[in-house]
Amino acid sequence: MSTLPTVNGQVVGQAHYATRALLERAVAPLGLNFGQVLALNVLADGPVERARLVHRITSTLKVDEPAVREVIDQLVDANIAQVDGPEPHVRLTDTGHATQAHVADAVAGITTRLYGDIPVDELAAAARVLTLVTQRANDELAGAA
């Protein structure tokens, strides 16, 4: 009889990295990296103040601000995003909207393949647990800062 692994950071991390590898493979033909995909997802809802976008990505990826500024610059250089306004806002260009649509399609396909046959109540329980673990880890990180 096989036993299920204990849920811990290693198991969660393995799921994250395997899923991330699928996403990175799917977006590689678009010339995108993981950080750029995250920025595109934030920008899909409309223009975002540059400082807010930087904060959102740094807090999600746990990377420093210069790395996120580089991601934004890469998107601007590729004509996927533009920065404008007296309080700089980042917005998707027409090319960016098309690129983000391709990313959304890739994510939808991966999600369907990986999660499609898992019962909704199990997915909801997993989401609650992982959200709580993320909140606790973020609280510890904030306390240590």
C-alpha atoms as a PDB file:
ATOM      1  CA  MET A   1       0.000   0.000   0.000  1.00  0.00           C
ATOM      2  CA  SER A   2       1.351   3.417  -0.990  1.00  0.00           C
ATOM      3  CA  THR A   3       1.081   6.354   1.381  1.00  0.00           C
ATOM      4  CA  LEU A   4       0.590   9.912   0.285  1.00  0.00           C
ATOM      5  CA  PRO A   5       3.421  12.334   1.042  1.00  0.00           C
ATOM      6  CA  THR A   6       3.054  14.771   3.893  1.00  0.00           C
ATOM      7  CA  VAL A   7       2.118  18.227   2.679  1.00  0.00           C
ATOM      8  CA  ASN A   8       5.088  20.469   3.316  1.00  0.00           C
ATOM      9  CA  GLY A   9       7.177  23.070   1.532  1.00  0.00           C
ATOM     10  CA  GLN A  10       9.004  20.457  -0.507  1.00  0.00           C
ATOM     11  CA  VAL A  11       5.806  18.926  -1.908  1.00  0.00           C
ATOM     12  CA  VAL A  12       4.293  22.341  -2.591  1.00  0.00           C
ATOM     13  CA  GLY A  13       7.539  23.523  -4.176  1.00  0.00           C
ATOM     14  CA  GLN A  14       7.734  20.480  -6.442  1.00  0.00           C
ATOM     15  CA  ALA A  15       4.200  21.165  -7.681  1.00  0.00           C
ATOM     16  CA  HIS A  16       5.060  24.839  -8.224  1.00  0.00           C
ATOM     17  CA  TYR A  17       8.266  24.163 -10.133  1.00  0.00           C
ATOM     18  CA  ALA A  18       6.712  21.450 -12.305  1.00  0.00           C
ATOM     19  CA  THR A  19       3.803  23.730 -13.180  1.00  0.00           C
ATOM     20  CA  ARG A  20       6.112  26.690 -13.715  1.00  0.00           C
ATOM     21  CA  ALA A  21       8.261  24.605 -16.082  1.00  0.00           C
ATOM     22  CA  LEU A  22       5.170  23.813 -18.163  1.00  0.00           C
ATOM     23  CA  LEU A  23       4.257  27.500 -18.276  1.00  0.00           C
ATOM     24  CA  GLU A  24       7.788  28.584 -19.159  1.00  0.00           C
ATOM     25  CA  ARG A  25       7.884  26.032 -21.980  1.00  0.00           C
ATOM     26  CA  ALA A  26       4.525  27.302 -23.262  1.00  0.00           C
ATOM     27  CA  VAL A  27       5.569  30.982 -23.255  1.00  0.00           C
ATOM     28  CA  ALA A  28       9.141  30.498 -24.503  1.00  0.00           C
ATOM     29  CA  PRO A  29       8.065  30.891 -28.159  1.00  0.00           C
ATOM     30  CA  LEU A  30       6.671  34.305 -27.168  1.00  0.00           C
ATOM     31  CA  GLY A  31      10.083  35.301 -25.783  1.00  0.00           C
ATOM     32  CA  LEU A  32       8.749  35.655 -22.242  1.00  0.00           C
ATOM     33  CA  ASN A  33      10.116  34.637 -18.858  1.00  0.00           C
ATOM     34  CA  PHE A  34       8.184  33.895 -15.682  1.00  0.00           C
ATOM     35  CA  GLY A  35       8.499  37.398 -14.208  1.00  0.00           C
ATOM     36  CA  GLN A  36       7.213  38.929 -17.432  1.00  0.00           C
ATOM     37  CA  VAL A  37       4.227  36.581 -17.388  1.00  0.00           C
ATOM     38  CA  LEU A  38       3.361  37.710 -13.857  1.00  0.00           C
ATOM     39  CA  ALA A  39       3.606  41.360 -14.892  1.00  0.00           C
ATOM     40  CA  LEU A  40       1.394  40.703 -17.926  1.00  0.00           C
ATOM     41  CA  ASN A  41      -1.222  39.093 -15.698  1.00  0.00           C
ATOM     42  CA  VAL A  42      -1.281  42.142 -13.426  1.00  0.00           C
ATOM     43  CA  LEU A  43      -1.473  44.510 -16.411  1.00  0.00           C
ATOM     44  CA  ALA A  44      -4.299  42.522 -18.032  1.00  0.00           C
ATOM     45  CA  ASP A  45      -6.755  44.344 -15.763  1.00  0.00           C
ATOM     46  CA  GLY A  46      -5.620  47.773 -16.975  1.00  0.00           C
ATOM     47  CA  PRO A  47      -2.900  50.340 -16.321  1.00  0.00           C
ATOM     48  CA  VAL A  48      -1.080  50.073 -13.006  1.00  0.00           C
ATOM     49  CA  GLU A  49       1.052  52.666 -11.275  1.00  0.00           C
ATOM     50  CA  ARG A  50       4.671  51.592 -11.824  1.00  0.00           C
ATOM     51  CA  ALA A  51       5.484  51.591  -8.088  1.00  0.00           C
ATOM     52  CA  ARG A  52       2.439  49.435  -7.366  1.00  0.00           C
ATOM     53  CA  LEU A  53       3.408  46.976 -10.112  1.00  0.00           C
ATOM     54  CA  VAL A  54       6.942  46.763  -8.743  1.00  0.00           C
ATOM     55  CA  HIS A  55       5.598  46.109  -5.237  1.00  0.00           C
ATOM     56  CA  ARG A  56       3.150  43.487  -6.469  1.00  0.00           C
ATOM     57  CA  ILE A  57       5.836  41.504  -8.298  1.00  0.00           C
ATOM     58  CA  THR A  58       8.487  41.865  -5.563  1.00  0.00           C
ATOM     59  CA  SER A  59       6.021  40.625  -2.954  1.00  0.00           C
ATOM     60  CA  THR A  60       4.903  37.736  -5.148  1.00  0.00           C
ATOM     61  CA  LEU A  61       8.311  36.524  -6.352  1.00  0.00           C
ATOM     62  CA  LYS A  62      10.292  37.616  -3.278  1.00  0.00           C
ATOM     63  CA  VAL A  63      12.842  39.377  -5.498  1.00  0.00           C
ATOM     64  CA  ASP A  64      14.382  42.820  -5.210  1.00  0.00           C
ATOM     65  CA  GLU A  65      13.079  45.954  -6.916  1.00  0.00           C
ATOM     66  CA  PRO A  66      15.892  46.261  -9.504  1.00  0.00           C
ATOM     67  CA  ALA A  67      15.007  42.797 -10.837  1.00  0.00           C
ATOM     68  CA  VAL A  68      11.377  43.824 -11.274  1.00  0.00           C
ATOM     69  CA  ARG A  69      12.311  47.141 -12.881  1.00  0.00           C
ATOM     70  CA  GLU A  70      14.372  45.101 -15.355  1.00  0.00           C
ATOM     71  CA  VAL A  71      11.311  42.939 -16.136  1.00  0.00           C
ATOM     72  CA  ILE A  72       9.247  46.073 -16.821  1.00  0.00           C
ATOM     73  CA  ASP A  73      12.014  47.537 -18.978  1.00  0.00           C
ATOM     74  CA  GLN A  74      12.166  44.299 -20.974  1.00  0.00           C
ATOM     75  CA  LEU A  75       8.419  44.477 -21.614  1.00  0.00           C
ATOM     76  CA  VAL A  76       8.734  48.115 -22.708  1.00  0.00           C
ATOM     77  CA  ASP A  77      11.717  47.329 -24.957  1.00  0.00           C
ATOM     78  CA  ALA A  78       9.699  44.529 -26.599  1.00  0.00           C
ATOM     79  CA  ASN A  79       6.748  46.918 -27.207  1.00  0.00           C
ATOM     80  CA  ILE A  80       4.564  44.763 -24.951  1.00  0.00           C
ATOM     81  CA  ALA A  81       4.099  47.513 -22.362  1.00  0.00           C
ATOM     82  CA  GLN A  82       4.510  51.260 -22.187  1.00  0.00           C
ATOM     83  CA  VAL A  83       5.053  53.670 -19.321  1.00  0.00           C
ATOM     84  CA  ASP A  84       3.293  57.022 -19.367  1.00  0.00           C
ATOM     85  CA  GLY A  85       1.747  59.758 -17.270  1.00  0.00           C
ATOM     86  CA  PRO A  86       3.052  62.201 -14.669  1.00  0.00           C
ATOM     87  CA  GLU A  87       2.793  59.441 -12.034  1.00  0.00           C
ATOM     88  CA  PRO A  88       4.162  56.691 -14.240  1.00  0.00           C
ATOM     89  CA  HIS A  89       1.638  54.025 -15.094  1.00  0.00           C
ATOM     90  CA  VAL A  90       2.454  50.855 -16.960  1.00  0.00           C
ATOM     91  CA  ARG A  91      -0.026  49.653 -19.534  1.00  0.00           C
ATOM     92  CA  LEU A  92      -0.158  46.981 -22.185  1.00  0.00           C
ATOM     93  CA  THR A  93       0.272  47.987 -25.815  1.00  0.00           C
ATOM     94  CA  ASP A  94      -1.799  46.345 -28.549  1.00  0.00           C
ATOM     95  CA  THR A  95       1.041  43.853 -28.935  1.00  0.00           C
ATOM     96  CA  GLY A  96       0.954  43.346 -25.155  1.00  0.00           C
ATOM     97  CA  HIS A  97      -2.773  42.604 -25.166  1.00  0.00           C
ATOM     98  CA  ALA A  98      -2.264  40.005 -27.917  1.00  0.00           C
ATOM     99  CA  THR A  99       0.687  38.499 -26.042  1.00  0.00           C
ATOM    100  CA  GLN A 100      -1.248  38.387 -22.785  1.00  0.00           C
ATOM    101  CA  ALA A 101      -4.135  36.636 -24.565  1.00  0.00           C
ATOM    102  CA  HIS A 102      -1.696  33.923 -25.729  1.00  0.00           C
ATOM    103  CA  VAL A 103      -0.409  33.591 -22.165  1.00  0.00           C
ATOM    104  CA  ALA A 104      -3.960  33.328 -20.799  1.00  0.00           C
ATOM    105  CA  ASP A 105      -4.730  30.576 -23.322  1.00  0.00           C
ATOM    106  CA  ALA A 106      -1.583  28.690 -22.314  1.00  0.00           C
ATOM    107  CA  VAL A 107      -2.453  29.003 -18.615  1.00  0.00           C
ATOM    108  CA  ALA A 108      -6.030  27.835 -19.263  1.00  0.00           C
ATOM    109  CA  GLY A 109      -4.764  24.755 -21.084  1.00  0.00           C
ATOM    110  CA  ILE A 110      -2.265  23.880 -18.369  1.00  0.00           C
ATOM    111  CA  THR A 111      -4.889  24.427 -15.672  1.00  0.00           C
ATOM    112  CA  THR A 112      -7.381  22.175 -17.429  1.00  0.00           C
ATOM    113  CA  ARG A 113      -4.831  19.410 -17.929  1.00  0.00           C
ATOM    114  CA  LEU A 114      -3.494  19.510 -14.369  1.00  0.00           C
ATOM    115  CA  TYR A 115      -6.594  20.337 -12.312  1.00  0.00           C
ATOM    116  CA  GLY A 116      -9.552  19.470 -14.539  1.00  0.00           C
ATOM    117  CA  ASP A 117     -10.394  16.089 -13.016  1.00  0.00           C
ATOM    118  CA  ILE A 118      -9.754  16.994  -9.377  1.00  0.00           C
ATOM    119  CA  PRO A 119     -13.014  17.368  -7.414  1.00  0.00           C
ATOM    120  CA  VAL A 120     -13.981  20.984  -6.702  1.00  0.00           C
ATOM    121  CA  ASP A 121     -14.164  20.462  -2.927  1.00  0.00           C
ATOM    122  CA  GLU A 122     -10.609  19.087  -2.883  1.00  0.00           C
ATOM    123  CA  LEU A 123      -9.343  22.041  -4.910  1.00  0.00           C
ATOM    124  CA  ALA A 124     -11.122  24.448  -2.561  1.00  0.00           C
ATOM    125  CA  ALA A 125      -9.562  22.790   0.505  1.00  0.00           C
ATOM    126  CA  ALA A 126      -6.097  22.884  -1.083  1.00  0.00           C
ATOM    127  CA  ALA A 127      -6.552  26.561  -1.982  1.00  0.00           C
ATOM    128  CA  ARG A 128      -7.557  27.417   1.596  1.00  0.00           C
ATOM    129  CA  VAL A 129      -4.567  25.605   3.076  1.00  0.00           C
ATOM    130  CA  LEU A 130      -2.045  27.061   0.630  1.00  0.00           C
ATOM    131  CA  THR A 131      -3.457  30.573   1.088  1.00  0.00           C
ATOM    132  CA  LEU A 132      -3.087  30.220   4.866  1.00  0.00           C
ATOM    133  CA  VAL A 133       0.475  28.889   4.565  1.00  0.00           C
ATOM    134  CA  THR A 134       1.392  31.770   2.215  1.00  0.00           C
ATOM    135  CA  GLN A 135      -0.096  34.300   4.625  1.00  0.00           C
ATOM    136  CA  ARG A 136       1.811  32.838   7.563  1.00  0.00           C
ATOM    137  CA  ALA A 137       5.093  32.806   5.637  1.00  0.00           C
ATOM    138  CA  ASN A 138       4.551  36.395   4.488  1.00  0.00           C
ATOM    139  CA  ASP A 139       3.795  37.439   8.071  1.00  0.00           C
ATOM    140  CA  GLU A 140       7.052  35.840   9.235  1.00  0.00           C
ATOM    141  CA  LEU A 141       8.982  37.515   6.434  1.00  0.00           C
ATOM    142  CA  ALA A 142       7.457  40.892   7.347  1.00  0.00           C
ATOM    143  CA  GLY A 143       8.330  40.358  11.016  1.00  0.00           C
ATOM    144  CA  ALA A 144      11.926  39.545  10.157  1.00  0.00           C
ATOM    145  CA  ALA A 145      12.351  42.644   7.974  1.00  0.00           C
END
